Amino acid sequence: MTGGHLQIVVCAAGPAADVTQLINAAQKRSWTTAVTATPIGIDFIDVPAIEELTGTEVRSSYRASPGDRRQLPTADALVIAPATYNSINKIAIGLADNYAMTSVAELIGRQVPTVIVPFVNAAFAARLPFRHAVASLRDEGVHVLLGPENRWEPHPPGSGNGRQRAFPWTTAFEAATQLAYADRSATSGRG
């Protein structure tokens, strides 16, 4: 599938600094992109470089004035990457305590095809709340890129820095485009 709009949400984890890899993958396929960051995630990215690349403002907070809205195309897909333990648990229970989580909750509620790529260590991934969150999100139709079938596993505690380069940005985009294409096909088939 070529063309579309990809909404990207980055959380506070090391791979966020490389989100331009996802943006570039999307732009090579004629997709537009926009980035939203969690309040702490904003410190992990190069905001001016991303804004120049996407042509849109990076958001991480609500606007003080309702007339001061960022105008974006309708999202054809959403990628949340890297997604932290905390953010995945928040998304699963619908907690919208910041602008990024509010955006995610609304886009999932609108049934925008969504891919989440966790960046968590094995200790966090072993926790019951995390396992329940992943199962709940999958039950809701969210594609969580995690496990042997996705060739992306949690890393051993303390090894995150060494794992950042392997972060599956391109795989995330490919999964999002497949979901978006399936969604478009299903929508056009109902018309």
N, C-alpha and C. Protein backbone atom coordinates (compact mmCIF):
# COMPACT_ATOMS: atom_id res chain seq x y z
N MET A 1 0.85 -1.18 0.00
CA MET A 1 0.00 0.00 0.00
C MET A 1 0.89 1.23 0.00
N THR A 2 0.65 2.12 -0.93
CA THR A 2 1.37 3.38 -0.94
C THR A 2 0.39 4.49 -0.60
N GLY A 3 0.91 5.51 0.02
CA GLY A 3 0.08 6.65 0.40
C GLY A 3 -0.71 6.38 1.65
N GLY A 4 -0.96 7.43 2.38
CA GLY A 4 -1.69 7.33 3.63
C GLY A 4 -1.04 8.26 4.63
N HIS A 5 -1.63 8.32 5.82
CA HIS A 5 -1.06 9.14 6.88
C HIS A 5 -0.78 8.25 8.08
N LEU A 6 0.45 8.30 8.56
CA LEU A 6 0.89 7.52 9.71
C LEU A 6 1.07 8.44 10.90
N GLN A 7 0.32 8.17 11.94
CA GLN A 7 0.50 8.89 13.21
C GLN A 7 1.47 8.07 14.04
N ILE A 8 2.48 8.71 14.59
CA ILE A 8 3.51 8.04 15.38
C ILE A 8 3.50 8.62 16.79
N VAL A 9 3.53 7.73 17.78
CA VAL A 9 3.64 8.16 19.18
C VAL A 9 4.91 7.53 19.74
N VAL A 10 5.80 8.36 20.27
CA VAL A 10 7.03 7.86 20.87
C VAL A 10 6.98 8.02 22.38
N CYS A 11 7.50 7.02 23.05
CA CYS A 11 7.57 7.03 24.51
C CYS A 11 9.03 7.17 24.94
N ALA A 12 9.26 7.31 26.23
CA ALA A 12 10.58 7.59 26.78
C ALA A 12 11.43 6.33 26.87
N ALA A 13 11.99 5.92 25.74
CA ALA A 13 12.93 4.80 25.70
C ALA A 13 13.99 5.11 24.65
N GLY A 14 15.15 4.53 24.82
CA GLY A 14 16.30 4.81 23.97
C GLY A 14 16.06 4.82 22.48
N PRO A 15 15.35 3.82 21.92
CA PRO A 15 15.16 3.82 20.47
C PRO A 15 14.40 5.03 19.93
N ALA A 16 13.72 5.78 20.77
CA ALA A 16 12.96 6.95 20.31
C ALA A 16 13.86 7.91 19.53
N ALA A 17 15.14 7.97 19.88
CA ALA A 17 16.06 8.86 19.19
C ALA A 17 16.18 8.53 17.71
N ASP A 18 15.82 7.31 17.33
CA ASP A 18 15.93 6.86 15.94
C ASP A 18 14.59 6.81 15.22
N VAL A 19 13.59 7.51 15.71
CA VAL A 19 12.26 7.48 15.09
C VAL A 19 12.29 7.96 13.65
N THR A 20 13.31 8.69 13.27
CA THR A 20 13.42 9.13 11.88
C THR A 20 13.51 7.93 10.93
N GLN A 21 13.96 6.78 11.41
CA GLN A 21 13.97 5.58 10.56
C GLN A 21 12.55 5.19 10.16
N LEU A 22 11.62 5.30 11.08
CA LEU A 22 10.21 5.01 10.79
C LEU A 22 9.64 6.06 9.84
N ILE A 23 9.95 7.31 10.10
CA ILE A 23 9.47 8.40 9.24
C ILE A 23 9.99 8.21 7.81
N ASN A 24 11.27 7.91 7.68
CA ASN A 24 11.86 7.71 6.35
C ASN A 24 11.24 6.51 5.63
N ALA A 25 11.00 5.42 6.36
CA ALA A 25 10.36 4.25 5.74
C ALA A 25 8.98 4.61 5.21
N ALA A 26 8.24 5.38 5.98
CA ALA A 26 6.90 5.80 5.55
C ALA A 26 6.97 6.73 4.35
N GLN A 27 7.86 7.70 4.40
CA GLN A 27 7.96 8.66 3.31
C GLN A 27 8.41 8.01 2.00
N LYS A 28 9.22 6.97 2.08
CA LYS A 28 9.63 6.25 0.87
C LYS A 28 8.44 5.60 0.18
N ARG A 29 7.37 5.34 0.94
CA ARG A 29 6.16 4.73 0.38
C ARG A 29 5.06 5.77 0.21
N SER A 30 5.43 7.04 0.17
CA SER A 30 4.51 8.16 -0.06
C SER A 30 3.49 8.36 1.06
N TRP A 31 3.86 8.01 2.27
CA TRP A 31 3.02 8.28 3.43
C TRP A 31 3.45 9.60 4.06
N THR A 32 2.49 10.35 4.59
CA THR A 32 2.80 11.50 5.42
C THR A 32 2.88 11.00 6.86
N THR A 33 3.57 11.75 7.68
CA THR A 33 3.74 11.35 9.08
C THR A 33 3.62 12.54 10.00
N ALA A 34 3.26 12.26 11.23
CA ALA A 34 3.28 13.26 12.30
C ALA A 34 3.66 12.52 13.57
N VAL A 35 4.38 13.21 14.44
CA VAL A 35 4.89 12.61 15.66
C VAL A 35 4.31 13.31 16.88
N THR A 36 3.87 12.49 17.81
CA THR A 36 3.46 12.94 19.14
C THR A 36 4.36 12.21 20.12
N ALA A 37 4.77 12.88 21.18
CA ALA A 37 5.64 12.26 22.18
C ALA A 37 5.00 12.36 23.55
N THR A 38 5.27 11.36 24.38
CA THR A 38 4.85 11.46 25.77
C THR A 38 5.63 12.61 26.42
N PRO A 39 5.17 13.10 27.56
CA PRO A 39 5.86 14.23 28.18
C PRO A 39 7.35 13.99 28.45
N ILE A 40 7.73 12.78 28.78
CA ILE A 40 9.14 12.48 29.00
C ILE A 40 9.79 12.06 27.68
N GLY A 41 9.02 11.42 26.81
CA GLY A 41 9.53 10.98 25.51
C GLY A 41 10.05 12.12 24.66
N ILE A 42 9.52 13.31 24.84
CA ILE A 42 9.95 14.47 24.06
C ILE A 42 11.44 14.74 24.24
N ASP A 43 11.97 14.39 25.42
CA ASP A 43 13.39 14.60 25.69
C ASP A 43 14.29 13.58 24.99
N PHE A 44 13.71 12.55 24.41
CA PHE A 44 14.47 11.49 23.77
C PHE A 44 14.64 11.71 22.26
N ILE A 45 13.97 12.71 21.71
CA ILE A 45 13.97 12.90 20.26
C ILE A 45 14.53 14.26 19.88
N ASP A 46 14.94 14.37 18.62
CA ASP A 46 15.43 15.64 18.07
C ASP A 46 14.23 16.33 17.42
N VAL A 47 13.55 17.15 18.19
CA VAL A 47 12.31 17.77 17.75
C VAL A 47 12.49 18.60 16.47
N PRO A 48 13.48 19.51 16.39
CA PRO A 48 13.62 20.29 15.15
C PRO A 48 13.85 19.41 13.91
N ALA A 49 14.66 18.38 14.04
CA ALA A 49 14.93 17.50 12.89
C ALA A 49 13.68 16.76 12.45
N ILE A 50 12.88 16.32 13.41
CA ILE A 50 11.64 15.60 13.09
C ILE A 50 10.63 16.54 12.44
N GLU A 51 10.52 17.76 12.98
CA GLU A 51 9.59 18.72 12.40
C GLU A 51 9.99 19.09 10.97
N GLU A 52 11.28 19.21 10.72
CA GLU A 52 11.74 19.51 9.37
C GLU A 52 11.43 18.34 8.43
N LEU A 53 11.65 17.14 8.91
CA LEU A 53 11.42 15.94 8.09
C LEU A 53 9.94 15.71 7.79
N THR A 54 9.08 15.91 8.80
CA THR A 54 7.65 15.64 8.62
C THR A 54 6.87 16.84 8.11
N GLY A 55 7.37 18.03 8.35
CA GLY A 55 6.63 19.23 7.99
C GLY A 55 5.50 19.54 8.96
N THR A 56 5.48 18.85 10.09
CA THR A 56 4.45 19.09 11.11
C THR A 56 5.11 19.25 12.48
N GLU A 57 4.42 19.96 13.33
CA GLU A 57 4.89 20.20 14.69
C GLU A 57 4.82 18.91 15.51
N VAL A 58 5.85 18.65 16.30
CA VAL A 58 5.82 17.55 17.27
C VAL A 58 5.05 18.04 18.48
N ARG A 59 4.07 17.25 18.89
CA ARG A 59 3.26 17.63 20.06
C ARG A 59 3.55 16.70 21.23
N SER A 60 3.50 17.27 22.43
CA SER A 60 3.61 16.45 23.64
C SER A 60 2.70 16.96 24.75
N SER A 61 1.98 18.04 24.45
CA SER A 61 1.08 18.57 25.47
C SER A 61 -0.16 19.16 24.81
N TYR A 62 -1.16 19.35 25.64
CA TYR A 62 -2.41 19.95 25.16
C TYR A 62 -2.17 21.42 24.83
N ARG A 63 -3.00 21.97 24.01
CA ARG A 63 -2.94 23.39 23.67
C ARG A 63 -3.73 24.17 24.71
N ALA A 64 -3.23 25.36 25.04
CA ALA A 64 -3.94 26.23 25.98
C ALA A 64 -5.17 26.83 25.33
N SER A 65 -5.08 27.09 24.02
CA SER A 65 -6.19 27.71 23.30
C SER A 65 -6.83 26.69 22.36
N PRO A 66 -8.15 26.51 22.44
CA PRO A 66 -8.79 25.53 21.58
C PRO A 66 -8.67 25.86 20.09
N GLY A 67 -8.46 27.13 19.75
CA GLY A 67 -8.33 27.51 18.35
C GLY A 67 -6.94 27.26 17.79
N ASP A 68 -6.04 26.78 18.63
CA ASP A 68 -4.65 26.58 18.25
C ASP A 68 -4.38 25.09 18.04
N ARG A 69 -5.11 24.48 17.09
CA ARG A 69 -5.03 23.04 16.86
C ARG A 69 -4.07 22.70 15.73
N ARG A 70 -3.43 21.58 15.86
CA ARG A 70 -2.59 21.05 14.78
C ARG A 70 -3.52 20.36 13.81
N GLN A 71 -3.51 20.76 12.57
CA GLN A 71 -4.37 20.18 11.54
C GLN A 71 -3.61 19.05 10.84
N LEU A 72 -4.08 17.84 11.01
CA LEU A 72 -3.45 16.67 10.41
C LEU A 72 -4.45 15.92 9.55
N PRO A 73 -3.96 15.20 8.55
CA PRO A 73 -4.87 14.33 7.81
C PRO A 73 -5.41 13.24 8.74
N THR A 74 -6.49 12.63 8.34
CA THR A 74 -7.03 11.50 9.10
C THR A 74 -6.01 10.38 9.10
N ALA A 75 -5.76 9.80 10.25
CA ALA A 75 -4.75 8.74 10.36
C ALA A 75 -5.24 7.46 9.70
N ASP A 76 -4.39 6.90 8.84
CA ASP A 76 -4.65 5.59 8.24
C ASP A 76 -4.06 4.48 9.09
N ALA A 77 -3.07 4.83 9.91
CA ALA A 77 -2.44 3.86 10.81
C ALA A 77 -1.76 4.62 11.94
N LEU A 78 -1.56 3.91 13.03
CA LEU A 78 -0.90 4.44 14.22
C LEU A 78 0.19 3.47 14.62
N VAL A 79 1.40 4.00 14.85
CA VAL A 79 2.49 3.19 15.39
C VAL A 79 2.93 3.84 16.69
N ILE A 80 2.93 3.06 17.76
CA ILE A 80 3.41 3.52 19.05
C ILE A 80 4.73 2.79 19.28
N ALA A 81 5.83 3.54 19.15
CA ALA A 81 7.14 2.92 19.23
C ALA A 81 8.20 3.96 19.55
N PRO A 82 9.12 3.68 20.41
CA PRO A 82 9.12 2.53 21.30
C PRO A 82 8.07 2.73 22.38
N ALA A 83 7.43 1.66 22.76
CA ALA A 83 6.41 1.71 23.80
C ALA A 83 7.00 1.14 25.08
N THR A 84 6.89 1.90 26.14
CA THR A 84 7.44 1.48 27.43
C THR A 84 6.45 0.61 28.20
N TYR A 85 6.95 -0.05 29.20
CA TYR A 85 6.12 -0.85 30.12
C TYR A 85 4.96 -0.01 30.64
N ASN A 86 5.27 1.18 31.12
CA ASN A 86 4.27 2.07 31.69
C ASN A 86 3.21 2.45 30.66
N SER A 87 3.65 2.86 29.47
CA SER A 87 2.69 3.28 28.45
C SER A 87 1.81 2.14 27.97
N ILE A 88 2.36 0.96 27.81
CA ILE A 88 1.56 -0.19 27.37
C ILE A 88 0.47 -0.50 28.40
N ASN A 89 0.83 -0.47 29.67
CA ASN A 89 -0.17 -0.70 30.70
C ASN A 89 -1.25 0.38 30.71
N LYS A 90 -0.84 1.64 30.52
CA LYS A 90 -1.81 2.75 30.45
C LYS A 90 -2.76 2.58 29.27
N ILE A 91 -2.20 2.27 28.10
CA ILE A 91 -3.02 2.12 26.90
C ILE A 91 -4.04 1.01 27.09
N ALA A 92 -3.62 -0.08 27.67
CA ALA A 92 -4.51 -1.24 27.84
C ALA A 92 -5.70 -0.93 28.74
N ILE A 93 -5.49 -0.11 29.76
CA ILE A 93 -6.61 0.20 30.65
C ILE A 93 -7.33 1.49 30.25
N GLY A 94 -6.86 2.13 29.19
CA GLY A 94 -7.52 3.34 28.70
C GLY A 94 -7.17 4.59 29.47
N LEU A 95 -6.07 4.58 30.18
CA LEU A 95 -5.66 5.75 30.96
C LEU A 95 -5.14 6.83 30.02
N ALA A 96 -5.80 7.98 30.03
CA ALA A 96 -5.45 9.09 29.14
C ALA A 96 -5.01 10.27 29.99
N ASP A 97 -3.85 10.14 30.60
CA ASP A 97 -3.38 11.15 31.54
C ASP A 97 -2.42 12.17 30.94
N ASN A 98 -2.20 12.10 29.63
CA ASN A 98 -1.39 13.11 28.95
C ASN A 98 -1.84 13.16 27.50
N TYR A 99 -1.33 14.12 26.77
CA TYR A 99 -1.79 14.32 25.39
C TYR A 99 -1.55 13.08 24.52
N ALA A 100 -0.38 12.48 24.64
CA ALA A 100 -0.07 11.31 23.82
C ALA A 100 -1.04 10.16 24.12
N MET A 101 -1.28 9.89 25.39
CA MET A 101 -2.17 8.78 25.75
C MET A 101 -3.62 9.08 25.37
N THR A 102 -4.02 10.34 25.43
CA THR A 102 -5.35 10.72 24.98
C THR A 102 -5.49 10.48 23.48
N SER A 103 -4.47 10.87 22.73
CA SER A 103 -4.48 10.65 21.27
C SER A 103 -4.57 9.17 20.95
N VAL A 104 -3.77 8.36 21.64
CA VAL A 104 -3.77 6.91 21.42
C VAL A 104 -5.14 6.32 21.74
N ALA A 105 -5.70 6.70 22.87
CA ALA A 105 -7.00 6.16 23.26
C ALA A 105 -8.07 6.48 22.22
N GLU A 106 -8.05 7.71 21.71
CA GLU A 106 -9.04 8.10 20.71
C GLU A 106 -8.83 7.36 19.39
N LEU A 107 -7.59 7.27 18.94
CA LEU A 107 -7.33 6.60 17.65
C LEU A 107 -7.67 5.11 17.72
N ILE A 108 -7.35 4.46 18.82
CA ILE A 108 -7.75 3.05 18.96
C ILE A 108 -9.27 2.95 19.01
N GLY A 109 -9.91 3.87 19.71
CA GLY A 109 -11.37 3.88 19.77
C GLY A 109 -12.02 4.11 18.42
N ARG A 110 -11.33 4.85 17.55
CA ARG A 110 -11.82 5.06 16.18
C ARG A 110 -11.51 3.87 15.27
N GLN A 111 -10.85 2.89 15.83
CA GLN A 111 -10.45 1.67 15.12
C GLN A 111 -9.43 1.93 14.02
N VAL A 112 -8.54 2.90 14.27
CA VAL A 112 -7.42 3.13 13.37
C VAL A 112 -6.46 1.95 13.54
N PRO A 113 -6.04 1.32 12.45
CA PRO A 113 -5.10 0.21 12.57
C PRO A 113 -3.87 0.63 13.38
N THR A 114 -3.58 -0.15 14.43
CA THR A 114 -2.56 0.24 15.40
C THR A 114 -1.52 -0.85 15.61
N VAL A 115 -0.26 -0.43 15.64
CA VAL A 115 0.87 -1.32 15.93
C VAL A 115 1.62 -0.73 17.13
N ILE A 116 1.88 -1.57 18.10
CA ILE A 116 2.67 -1.17 19.27
C ILE A 116 3.94 -2.02 19.27
N VAL A 117 5.09 -1.35 19.42
CA VAL A 117 6.37 -2.06 19.50
C VAL A 117 6.97 -1.79 20.89
N PRO A 118 6.85 -2.77 21.79
CA PRO A 118 7.40 -2.59 23.13
C PRO A 118 8.93 -2.55 23.13
N PHE A 119 9.47 -1.77 24.03
CA PHE A 119 10.90 -1.81 24.32
C PHE A 119 10.98 -1.99 25.83
N VAL A 120 10.96 -3.23 26.24
CA VAL A 120 10.94 -3.58 27.66
C VAL A 120 11.95 -4.68 27.92
N ASN A 121 12.42 -4.74 29.14
CA ASN A 121 13.30 -5.85 29.47
C ASN A 121 12.48 -7.06 29.93
N ALA A 122 13.13 -8.19 30.00
CA ALA A 122 12.45 -9.45 30.30
C ALA A 122 11.80 -9.45 31.68
N ALA A 123 12.38 -8.73 32.64
CA ALA A 123 11.78 -8.67 33.97
C ALA A 123 10.42 -7.96 33.93
N PHE A 124 10.35 -6.84 33.21
CA PHE A 124 9.07 -6.15 33.06
C PHE A 124 8.08 -7.01 32.27
N ALA A 125 8.56 -7.63 31.20
CA ALA A 125 7.69 -8.44 30.35
C ALA A 125 7.14 -9.65 31.08
N ALA A 126 7.82 -10.12 32.11
CA ALA A 126 7.36 -11.28 32.88
C ALA A 126 6.25 -10.93 33.86
N ARG A 127 6.07 -9.64 34.13
CA ARG A 127 5.06 -9.22 35.09
C ARG A 127 3.66 -9.50 34.58
N LEU A 128 2.79 -9.96 35.45
CA LEU A 128 1.42 -10.26 35.11
C LEU A 128 0.67 -9.05 34.55
N PRO A 129 0.82 -7.85 35.13
CA PRO A 129 0.10 -6.71 34.55
C PRO A 129 0.48 -6.46 33.09
N PHE A 130 1.76 -6.62 32.75
CA PHE A 130 2.19 -6.41 31.37
C PHE A 130 1.61 -7.49 30.46
N ARG A 131 1.68 -8.74 30.88
CA ARG A 131 1.15 -9.83 30.06
C ARG A 131 -0.35 -9.65 29.83
N HIS A 132 -1.08 -9.22 30.89
CA HIS A 132 -2.51 -8.95 30.73
C HIS A 132 -2.75 -7.78 29.77
N ALA A 133 -1.90 -6.74 29.87
CA ALA A 133 -2.06 -5.57 29.00
C ALA A 133 -1.88 -5.97 27.54
N VAL A 134 -0.84 -6.74 27.25
CA VAL A 134 -0.59 -7.18 25.87
C VAL A 134 -1.76 -8.02 25.37
N ALA A 135 -2.24 -8.94 26.18
CA ALA A 135 -3.38 -9.79 25.78
C ALA A 135 -4.63 -8.95 25.56
N SER A 136 -4.87 -7.98 26.42
CA SER A 136 -6.04 -7.11 26.29
C SER A 136 -5.98 -6.29 25.02
N LEU A 137 -4.82 -5.73 24.73
CA LEU A 137 -4.65 -4.93 23.50
C LEU A 137 -4.85 -5.79 22.26
N ARG A 138 -4.31 -6.99 22.28
CA ARG A 138 -4.49 -7.88 21.14
C ARG A 138 -5.96 -8.26 20.97
N ASP A 139 -6.66 -8.47 22.09
CA ASP A 139 -8.10 -8.78 22.02
C ASP A 139 -8.88 -7.62 21.42
N GLU A 140 -8.37 -6.41 21.58
CA GLU A 140 -9.02 -5.22 21.04
C GLU A 140 -8.64 -4.97 19.58
N GLY A 141 -7.78 -5.81 19.03
CA GLY A 141 -7.40 -5.68 17.63
C GLY A 141 -6.12 -4.91 17.39
N VAL A 142 -5.41 -4.56 18.45
CA VAL A 142 -4.13 -3.87 18.33
C VAL A 142 -3.05 -4.91 18.06
N HIS A 143 -2.20 -4.62 17.10
CA HIS A 143 -1.08 -5.53 16.79
C HIS A 143 0.09 -5.16 17.68
N VAL A 144 0.42 -6.03 18.63
CA VAL A 144 1.57 -5.81 19.51
C VAL A 144 2.71 -6.64 18.95
N LEU A 145 3.71 -5.95 18.46
CA LEU A 145 4.86 -6.58 17.81
C LEU A 145 5.79 -7.11 18.91
N LEU A 146 5.52 -8.32 19.35
CA LEU A 146 6.27 -8.91 20.46
C LEU A 146 6.12 -10.42 20.41
N GLY A 147 7.22 -11.12 20.59
CA GLY A 147 7.20 -12.57 20.64
C GLY A 147 7.94 -13.18 19.47
N PRO A 148 8.15 -14.49 19.53
CA PRO A 148 8.94 -15.16 18.50
C PRO A 148 8.34 -15.03 17.10
N GLU A 149 7.01 -15.01 17.00
CA GLU A 149 6.37 -14.88 15.69
C GLU A 149 6.65 -13.53 15.05
N ASN A 150 6.99 -12.54 15.86
CA ASN A 150 7.32 -11.20 15.37
C ASN A 150 8.82 -10.94 15.38
N ARG A 151 9.58 -11.90 15.81
CA ARG A 151 11.04 -11.79 15.90
C ARG A 151 11.48 -10.56 16.69
N TRP A 152 10.75 -10.26 17.74
CA TRP A 152 11.10 -9.15 18.63
C TRP A 152 10.77 -9.56 20.05
N GLU A 153 11.80 -9.73 20.84
CA GLU A 153 11.66 -10.22 22.21
C GLU A 153 12.15 -9.18 23.21
N PRO A 154 11.66 -9.27 24.45
CA PRO A 154 12.23 -8.41 25.50
C PRO A 154 13.72 -8.71 25.66
N HIS A 155 14.48 -7.70 26.04
CA HIS A 155 15.92 -7.88 26.24
C HIS A 155 16.22 -8.17 27.71
N PRO A 156 17.35 -8.78 27.99
CA PRO A 156 17.73 -9.02 29.39
C PRO A 156 17.87 -7.68 30.13
N PRO A 157 17.51 -7.64 31.41
CA PRO A 157 17.68 -6.40 32.18
C PRO A 157 19.11 -5.87 32.06
N GLY A 158 19.22 -4.57 31.86
CA GLY A 158 20.52 -3.93 31.78
C GLY A 158 21.17 -3.97 30.41
N SER A 159 20.47 -4.53 29.41
CA SER A 159 21.07 -4.65 28.08
C SER A 159 20.36 -3.80 27.03
N GLY A 160 19.51 -2.89 27.46
CA GLY A 160 18.73 -2.08 26.51
C GLY A 160 19.57 -1.26 25.55
N ASN A 161 20.66 -0.68 26.04
CA ASN A 161 21.50 0.15 25.16
C ASN A 161 22.01 -0.64 23.97
N GLY A 162 22.40 -1.88 24.20
CA GLY A 162 22.91 -2.70 23.12
C GLY A 162 21.83 -3.19 22.17
N ARG A 163 20.58 -3.12 22.61
CA ARG A 163 19.47 -3.62 21.81
C ARG A 163 18.83 -2.54 20.92
N GLN A 164 19.15 -1.29 21.16
CA GLN A 164 18.50 -0.19 20.45
C GLN A 164 18.67 -0.25 18.94
N ARG A 165 19.85 -0.62 18.48
CA ARG A 165 20.11 -0.63 17.04
C ARG A 165 19.26 -1.65 16.31
N ALA A 166 18.83 -2.69 17.00
CA ALA A 166 18.02 -3.74 16.37
C ALA A 166 16.53 -3.42 16.38
N PHE A 167 16.15 -2.25 16.91
CA PHE A 167 14.73 -1.93 17.04
C PHE A 167 14.05 -2.03 15.67
N PRO A 168 12.91 -2.71 15.59
CA PRO A 168 12.28 -3.04 14.30
C PRO A 168 11.40 -1.94 13.70
N TRP A 169 12.01 -0.81 13.38
CA TRP A 169 11.25 0.31 12.81
C TRP A 169 10.57 -0.08 11.50
N THR A 170 11.31 -0.69 10.60
CA THR A 170 10.75 -1.05 9.29
C THR A 170 9.66 -2.10 9.43
N THR A 171 9.87 -3.06 10.31
CA THR A 171 8.86 -4.10 10.55
C THR A 171 7.58 -3.47 11.09
N ALA A 172 7.72 -2.48 11.96
CA ALA A 172 6.55 -1.78 12.50
C ALA A 172 5.77 -1.10 11.39
N PHE A 173 6.49 -0.42 10.48
CA PHE A 173 5.81 0.25 9.38
C PHE A 173 5.13 -0.76 8.46
N GLU A 174 5.81 -1.84 8.14
CA GLU A 174 5.21 -2.87 7.27
C GLU A 174 3.95 -3.46 7.91
N ALA A 175 3.99 -3.72 9.21
CA ALA A 175 2.81 -4.24 9.90
C ALA A 175 1.67 -3.23 9.85
N ALA A 176 1.99 -1.95 10.04
CA ALA A 176 0.96 -0.90 10.00
C ALA A 176 0.34 -0.79 8.61
N THR A 177 1.17 -0.87 7.56
CA THR A 177 0.61 -0.77 6.21
C THR A 177 -0.26 -1.98 5.88
N GLN A 178 0.14 -3.16 6.34
CA GLN A 178 -0.69 -4.35 6.11
C GLN A 178 -2.05 -4.21 6.80
N LEU A 179 -2.04 -3.71 8.03
CA LEU A 179 -3.30 -3.50 8.75
C LEU A 179 -4.15 -2.44 8.06
N ALA A 180 -3.51 -1.35 7.63
CA ALA A 180 -4.24 -0.27 6.96
C ALA A 180 -4.83 -0.76 5.64
N TYR A 181 -4.07 -1.55 4.90
CA TYR A 181 -4.57 -2.09 3.63
C TYR A 181 -5.76 -3.02 3.88
N ALA A 182 -5.66 -3.88 4.88
CA ALA A 182 -6.77 -4.79 5.21
C ALA A 182 -8.00 -3.99 5.63
N ASP A 183 -7.77 -2.90 6.38
CA ASP A 183 -8.87 -2.05 6.83
C ASP A 183 -9.54 -1.36 5.63
N ARG A 184 -8.73 -0.84 4.71
CA ARG A 184 -9.28 -0.19 3.51
C ARG A 184 -10.06 -1.19 2.66
N SER A 185 -9.53 -2.39 2.51
CA SER A 185 -10.21 -3.43 1.71
C SER A 185 -11.54 -3.80 2.33
N ALA A 186 -11.55 -3.94 3.67
CA ALA A 186 -12.80 -4.30 4.36
C ALA A 186 -13.81 -3.17 4.25
N THR A 187 -13.34 -1.93 4.37
CA THR A 187 -14.24 -0.78 4.27
C THR A 187 -14.82 -0.65 2.88
N SER A 188 -13.98 -0.81 1.85
CA SER A 188 -14.48 -0.67 0.49
C SER A 188 -15.40 -1.84 0.13
N GLY A 189 -15.20 -2.99 0.73
CA GLY A 189 -16.05 -4.15 0.47
C GLY A 189 -17.45 -4.01 1.06
N ARG A 190 -17.56 -3.14 2.10
CA ARG A 190 -18.88 -2.94 2.72
C ARG A 190 -19.70 -1.91 1.98
N GLY A 191 -19.03 -1.11 1.11
CA GLY A 191 -19.71 0.00 0.44
C GLY A 191 -20.54 -0.46 -0.65
